[in-house]
Amino acid sequence: MSFIEKQRHGKHSYFYLVKNVRIAPNKVKKLRVWLGREIPKHSELQKYFVELEKRTMEQYETKWLPKELVEKVDDLSASITVFHKTPINVLPKDFLVRYTYNTNAIEGNHLTLRQTALVLSDRIAPEGTRADDVIEALNALDAWNFIKSYKNRINKKYICKIQYELTKNTSCRIKGDYRDSEVRIAGSEHIPPKPTDVPKLLESLFAKFYKEKKTLHPIELASSLHNKFVNIHPFTDGNGRTARLLINWILLRNKFPPIIIEVSNKEQYYKAIEDADKGDQKPFAVFLANQLLSQYTLPLPT
């Protein structure tokens, strides 16, 4: 998507027609066409659009995302500058309330959105709520605060710390380490690997992450890591919540706004994961991109 940019040079202002074009997984180049000291009439702008398109390099070839969807999410990243010019810890509390409610509700937490807001704002348990539900809400905030500023490599210590923050003080049997028994995922045909295979599978996943980082669009990178992580299912509890935090860790480090996978989209979310388990990564990548766009773009007025 093209837009008009105003620049000041000396005593005068000049206008440019601009387009952001992705030329590498983590690199976007801004192309400009000079318009002059005044914005041309709408009828005259067409020739500048044609010139800009001629100068536009071939877009970065993504693996699963359609080009038109890539252009939309890249435009979103470029336009929402607050998320990379302002520290993440000043995100509106409304986001953290909605994120905490949805990510926990997907896993069966019984708190309502309003109750979640009360827990996070007042740190008290609303009457009639389960202790574990309240603790999970508080833990989600602690886990978010941990991942938002983490800038080191992804490894066992990092993901186990996330899981520990999510499950501390709850009835989870193993906190901060890999599972030691076989597990089944409710409602899924996928059978996670044996616990003895988990460490080597995750080491392979970490290595593949840094290899894919050089070739995949950030949305695809987040999608791929999420899907492979939940496929391994390394923990006794907290796998989905950890995977969704890893998505946001990747997005934030690549100057994309954080995402909320809403509980209302749980069925679509699980279906995309099942497709990935069967070898088709595209549905989840497209799902993730569309979720991001739906949360940060407004419908055109009718």
Protein backbone atom coordinates (compact mmCIF):
# COMPACT_ATOMS: atom_id res chain seq x y z
CA MET A 1 0.00 0.00 0.00
CA SER A 2 1.38 3.41 -1.01
CA PHE A 3 1.11 6.62 1.01
CA ILE A 4 2.21 10.25 0.77
CA GLU A 5 5.05 11.43 2.99
CA LYS A 6 5.96 15.05 3.78
CA GLN A 7 9.59 16.05 4.38
CA ARG A 8 11.08 19.38 5.38
CA HIS A 9 14.28 20.50 3.62
CA GLY A 10 15.52 23.97 4.50
CA LYS A 11 12.67 26.44 4.27
CA HIS A 12 10.44 24.28 2.10
CA SER A 13 8.32 21.14 2.41
CA TYR A 14 8.37 18.42 -0.23
CA PHE A 15 6.05 15.49 -0.86
CA TYR A 16 6.89 11.92 -1.84
CA LEU A 17 4.83 8.89 -2.84
CA VAL A 18 6.12 6.07 -0.63
CA LYS A 19 5.80 2.30 -0.47
CA ASN A 20 7.33 -0.16 2.02
CA VAL A 21 8.64 -3.30 0.33
CA ARG A 22 9.95 -6.36 2.15
CA ILE A 23 13.27 -7.43 0.64
CA ALA A 24 14.35 -9.95 3.31
CA PRO A 25 12.71 -11.77 6.23
CA ASN A 26 13.61 -9.00 8.67
CA LYS A 27 14.24 -6.08 6.32
CA VAL A 28 11.78 -3.64 4.77
CA LYS A 29 12.95 -0.99 2.28
CA LYS A 30 11.11 2.30 1.75
CA LEU A 31 10.85 3.33 -1.91
CA ARG A 32 10.02 6.95 -2.79
CA VAL A 33 8.90 8.91 -5.84
CA TRP A 34 9.26 12.70 -5.63
CA LEU A 35 5.98 14.60 -6.08
CA GLY A 36 7.19 18.15 -5.60
CA ARG A 37 6.35 20.98 -3.22
CA GLU A 38 2.61 20.37 -3.59
CA ILE A 39 0.54 17.19 -3.74
CA PRO A 40 -0.60 16.65 -7.36
CA LYS A 41 -4.28 16.41 -8.15
CA HIS A 42 -5.83 12.98 -7.84
CA SER A 43 -6.06 12.65 -11.62
CA GLU A 44 -2.32 13.30 -11.96
CA LEU A 45 -1.22 10.93 -9.21
CA GLN A 46 -1.75 7.86 -11.40
CA LYS A 47 1.48 8.39 -13.33
CA TYR A 48 3.40 8.54 -10.05
CA PHE A 49 1.80 5.29 -8.91
CA VAL A 50 2.91 3.68 -12.19
CA GLU A 51 6.46 4.97 -11.71
CA LEU A 52 6.57 3.69 -8.14
CA GLU A 53 5.39 0.23 -9.19
CA LYS A 54 8.13 0.11 -11.84
CA ARG A 55 10.72 0.86 -9.18
CA THR A 56 9.26 -1.60 -6.70
CA MET A 57 11.48 -4.61 -6.25
CA GLU A 58 10.04 -8.07 -6.36
CA GLN A 59 8.47 -8.66 -2.98
CA TYR A 60 10.13 -11.10 -0.64
CA GLU A 61 8.88 -14.58 -1.47
CA THR A 62 7.04 -15.95 1.53
CA LYS A 63 6.57 -19.65 2.11
CA TRP A 64 2.92 -19.80 3.17
CA LEU A 65 1.42 -16.30 3.21
CA PRO A 66 -0.14 -14.80 0.06
CA LYS A 67 1.67 -11.66 -1.13
CA GLU A 68 -1.36 -9.42 -0.65
CA LEU A 69 -1.64 -10.54 2.98
CA VAL A 70 2.08 -9.93 3.54
CA GLU A 71 1.72 -6.40 2.20
CA LYS A 72 -1.14 -5.69 4.61
CA VAL A 73 0.67 -6.94 7.72
CA ASP A 74 3.86 -5.14 6.70
CA ASP A 75 1.89 -1.91 6.26
CA LEU A 76 0.42 -2.50 9.71
CA SER A 77 3.88 -2.94 11.19
CA ALA A 78 5.09 0.25 9.52
CA SER A 79 2.09 2.31 10.66
CA ILE A 80 1.86 1.27 14.32
CA THR A 81 5.07 2.95 15.40
CA VAL A 82 4.05 3.14 19.06
CA PHE A 83 4.97 -0.50 19.58
CA HIS A 84 8.63 -0.04 18.73
CA LYS A 85 9.16 3.59 19.79
CA THR A 86 7.55 3.18 23.19
CA PRO A 87 8.64 0.57 25.76
CA ILE A 88 6.33 -2.43 25.76
CA ASN A 89 5.75 -2.12 29.50
CA VAL A 90 3.57 0.93 28.84
CA LEU A 91 1.05 -1.07 26.83
CA PRO A 92 -2.50 -0.19 27.88
CA LYS A 93 -3.68 -2.44 30.68
CA ASP A 94 -6.75 -3.17 28.57
CA PHE A 95 -4.53 -5.21 26.23
CA LEU A 96 -3.06 -7.27 29.06
CA VAL A 97 -6.52 -7.90 30.52
CA ARG A 98 -7.90 -9.06 27.18
CA TYR A 99 -4.79 -11.11 26.40
CA THR A 100 -4.82 -12.80 29.81
CA TYR A 101 -8.52 -13.54 29.67
CA ASN A 102 -8.40 -15.06 26.18
CA THR A 103 -5.19 -17.09 26.47
CA ASN A 104 -6.37 -18.60 29.77
CA ALA A 105 -9.96 -19.15 28.62
CA ILE A 106 -8.72 -21.21 25.66
CA GLU A 107 -7.28 -23.64 28.21
CA GLY A 108 -10.46 -23.79 30.34
CA ASN A 109 -9.94 -21.00 32.87
CA HIS A 110 -13.37 -20.00 34.24
CA LEU A 111 -12.75 -16.30 34.94
CA THR A 112 -14.85 -13.87 32.92
CA LEU A 113 -13.26 -10.85 31.25
CA ARG A 114 -14.57 -8.63 34.03
CA GLN A 115 -13.26 -10.95 36.74
CA THR A 116 -9.88 -11.06 35.02
CA ALA A 117 -9.77 -7.26 35.03
CA LEU A 118 -10.55 -7.21 38.76
CA VAL A 119 -7.83 -9.76 39.51
CA LEU A 120 -5.17 -7.88 37.56
CA SER A 121 -6.14 -4.42 38.81
CA ASP A 122 -6.88 -5.20 42.48
CA ARG A 123 -5.05 -8.53 42.91
CA ILE A 124 -8.01 -9.99 44.77
CA ALA A 125 -10.10 -13.09 44.09
CA PRO A 126 -13.69 -12.27 43.08
CA GLU A 127 -16.25 -14.12 45.16
CA GLY A 128 -16.97 -17.66 43.96
CA THR A 129 -13.86 -18.05 41.77
CA ARG A 130 -11.42 -20.97 41.87
CA ALA A 131 -8.01 -20.29 43.40
CA ASP A 132 -6.15 -21.78 40.42
CA ASP A 133 -8.11 -19.58 37.98
CA VAL A 134 -7.09 -16.45 39.91
CA ILE A 135 -3.46 -17.55 40.25
CA GLU A 136 -3.28 -18.33 36.52
CA ALA A 137 -4.40 -14.77 35.72
CA LEU A 138 -1.72 -13.27 37.96
CA ASN A 139 0.84 -15.69 36.55
CA ALA A 140 -0.03 -14.69 32.98
CA LEU A 141 0.87 -11.10 33.79
CA ASP A 142 4.19 -12.17 35.33
CA ALA A 143 4.98 -14.32 32.29
CA TRP A 144 4.19 -11.43 29.95
CA ASN A 145 6.47 -9.10 31.89
CA PHE A 146 9.23 -11.71 31.56
CA ILE A 147 9.00 -12.29 27.80
CA LYS A 148 8.47 -8.65 26.77
CA SER A 149 12.04 -7.66 27.58
CA TYR A 150 13.85 -10.96 26.95
CA LYS A 151 16.47 -10.41 24.23
CA ASN A 152 18.64 -13.51 24.47
CA ARG A 153 18.44 -16.78 22.56
CA ILE A 154 15.55 -19.19 22.74
CA ASN A 155 16.65 -22.27 24.67
CA LYS A 156 15.52 -24.69 27.37
CA LYS A 157 16.15 -22.22 30.18
CA TYR A 158 13.98 -19.59 28.49
CA ILE A 159 10.95 -21.73 27.69
CA CYS A 160 11.08 -23.48 31.07
CA LYS A 161 11.13 -20.09 32.78
CA ILE A 162 8.02 -19.06 30.83
CA GLN A 163 6.23 -22.27 31.82
CA TYR A 164 7.28 -21.81 35.44
CA GLU A 165 5.89 -18.27 35.54
CA LEU A 166 2.61 -19.55 34.09
CA THR A 167 2.19 -22.48 36.48
CA LYS A 168 3.83 -21.41 39.76
CA ASN A 169 1.63 -21.80 42.83
CA THR A 170 -0.87 -23.94 40.90
CA SER A 171 -1.62 -27.66 40.98
CA CYS A 172 0.66 -28.28 37.97
CA ARG A 173 2.84 -31.29 38.87
CA ILE A 174 6.08 -30.23 37.12
CA LYS A 175 6.89 -26.53 37.04
CA GLY A 176 9.87 -25.18 35.13
CA ASP A 177 10.98 -28.43 33.51
CA TYR A 178 9.98 -30.91 30.82
CA ARG A 179 7.34 -33.57 31.41
CA ASP A 180 8.37 -37.03 32.55
CA SER A 181 5.36 -38.99 31.32
CA GLU A 182 3.32 -39.54 28.18
CA VAL A 183 0.37 -37.21 27.61
CA ARG A 184 -2.71 -36.97 25.42
CA ILE A 185 -4.27 -33.75 24.17
CA ALA A 186 -8.00 -33.55 24.82
CA GLY A 187 -9.99 -33.41 21.58
CA SER A 188 -6.97 -34.02 19.34
CA GLU A 189 -5.88 -37.08 17.37
CA HIS A 190 -2.23 -36.05 17.67
CA ILE A 191 -0.15 -38.14 20.09
CA PRO A 192 2.81 -36.12 21.45
CA PRO A 193 6.26 -37.78 21.48
CA LYS A 194 7.58 -39.81 24.39
CA PRO A 195 9.06 -37.75 27.26
CA THR A 196 12.51 -39.22 26.61
CA ASP A 197 12.41 -37.70 23.11
CA VAL A 198 11.39 -34.20 24.23
CA PRO A 199 14.87 -32.76 25.02
CA LYS A 200 16.43 -33.68 21.67
CA LEU A 201 13.32 -32.62 19.75
CA LEU A 202 13.40 -29.19 21.37
CA GLU A 203 17.13 -28.76 20.75
CA SER A 204 16.40 -29.51 17.11
CA LEU A 205 13.53 -27.00 17.19
CA PHE A 206 15.77 -24.27 18.61
CA ALA A 207 18.36 -24.88 15.90
CA LYS A 208 15.70 -24.87 13.18
CA PHE A 209 14.26 -21.62 14.56
CA TYR A 210 17.53 -19.78 13.91
CA LYS A 211 17.81 -21.33 10.47
CA GLU A 212 14.24 -20.37 9.56
CA LYS A 213 14.79 -16.89 10.98
CA LYS A 214 16.99 -16.21 7.95
CA THR A 215 14.33 -17.22 5.43
CA LEU A 216 10.82 -16.82 6.88
CA HIS A 217 8.64 -13.73 7.23
CA PRO A 218 8.23 -12.93 10.98
CA ILE A 219 4.57 -14.01 10.91
CA GLU A 220 5.56 -17.33 9.36
CA LEU A 221 8.44 -17.70 11.82
CA ALA A 222 6.09 -17.22 14.78
CA SER A 223 3.59 -19.61 13.22
CA SER A 224 6.20 -22.30 12.60
CA LEU A 225 7.66 -22.13 16.11
CA HIS A 226 4.21 -22.24 17.70
CA ASN A 227 3.12 -25.27 15.71
CA LYS A 228 6.27 -27.31 16.26
CA PHE A 229 6.27 -26.41 19.96
CA VAL A 230 2.69 -27.55 20.63
CA ASN A 231 3.34 -30.66 18.52
CA ILE A 232 6.15 -31.65 20.91
CA HIS A 233 4.03 -30.64 23.93
CA PRO A 234 7.03 -30.52 26.28
CA PHE A 235 5.27 -29.68 29.56
CA THR A 236 2.69 -31.31 31.80
CA ASP A 237 0.71 -28.04 31.68
CA GLY A 238 1.04 -24.60 30.10
CA ASN A 239 2.03 -25.67 26.58
CA GLY A 240 -0.54 -23.58 24.70
CA ARG A 241 -0.05 -20.50 26.86
CA THR A 242 3.73 -20.77 26.47
CA ALA A 243 3.40 -21.16 22.69
CA ARG A 244 1.19 -18.06 22.43
CA LEU A 245 3.69 -16.03 24.44
CA LEU A 246 6.43 -17.20 22.09
CA ILE A 247 4.36 -15.88 19.16
CA ASN A 248 4.24 -12.45 20.76
CA TRP A 249 7.91 -12.54 21.69
CA ILE A 250 8.77 -13.02 18.01
CA LEU A 251 6.28 -10.37 16.84
CA LEU A 252 7.53 -7.74 19.26
CA ARG A 253 11.18 -8.38 18.41
CA ASN A 254 10.31 -7.87 14.74
CA LYS A 255 8.39 -4.60 15.32
CA PHE A 256 4.92 -6.09 14.95
CA PRO A 257 2.22 -5.36 17.53
CA PRO A 258 1.31 -8.21 19.92
CA ILE A 259 -1.62 -10.44 19.10
CA ILE A 260 -4.53 -11.89 21.04
CA ILE A 261 -5.89 -15.23 19.87
CA GLU A 262 -9.44 -14.88 21.09
CA VAL A 263 -11.32 -17.71 22.74
CA SER A 264 -14.20 -17.05 20.32
CA ASN A 265 -11.84 -18.29 17.57
CA LYS A 266 -10.77 -21.36 19.53
CA GLU A 267 -12.25 -23.86 17.07
CA GLN A 268 -10.55 -22.21 14.08
CA TYR A 269 -7.30 -21.97 16.08
CA TYR A 270 -7.33 -25.69 16.93
CA LYS A 271 -8.24 -26.64 13.37
CA ALA A 272 -5.23 -24.73 12.04
CA ILE A 273 -3.01 -26.50 14.57
CA GLU A 274 -4.38 -29.88 13.47
CA ASP A 275 -3.60 -28.98 9.84
CA ALA A 276 -0.04 -28.15 10.90
CA ASP A 277 0.26 -31.49 12.71
CA LYS A 278 -0.61 -33.11 9.38
CA GLY A 279 2.08 -31.13 7.57
CA ASP A 280 0.16 -28.12 6.22
CA GLN A 281 1.57 -24.96 7.82
CA LYS A 282 -0.29 -22.47 5.62
CA PRO A 283 -3.66 -22.37 7.46
CA PHE A 284 -2.09 -21.35 10.77
CA ALA A 285 0.13 -18.68 9.19
CA VAL A 286 -2.88 -17.19 7.39
CA PHE A 287 -4.97 -17.44 10.57
CA LEU A 288 -2.30 -15.58 12.54
CA ALA A 289 -1.95 -12.81 9.94
CA ASN A 290 -5.72 -12.32 9.73
CA GLN A 291 -6.04 -12.23 13.53
CA LEU A 292 -3.40 -9.51 13.64
CA LEU A 293 -5.13 -7.44 10.96
CA SER A 294 -8.56 -7.82 12.53
CA GLN A 295 -7.28 -6.49 15.86
CA TYR A 296 -5.43 -3.44 14.56
CA THR A 297 -7.38 -2.27 11.52
CA LEU A 298 -10.83 -0.71 11.41
CA PRO A 299 -13.45 -1.54 8.77
CA LEU A 300 -14.01 1.15 6.16
CA PRO A 301 -17.13 3.26 6.80
CA THR A 302 -20.17 2.41 4.68
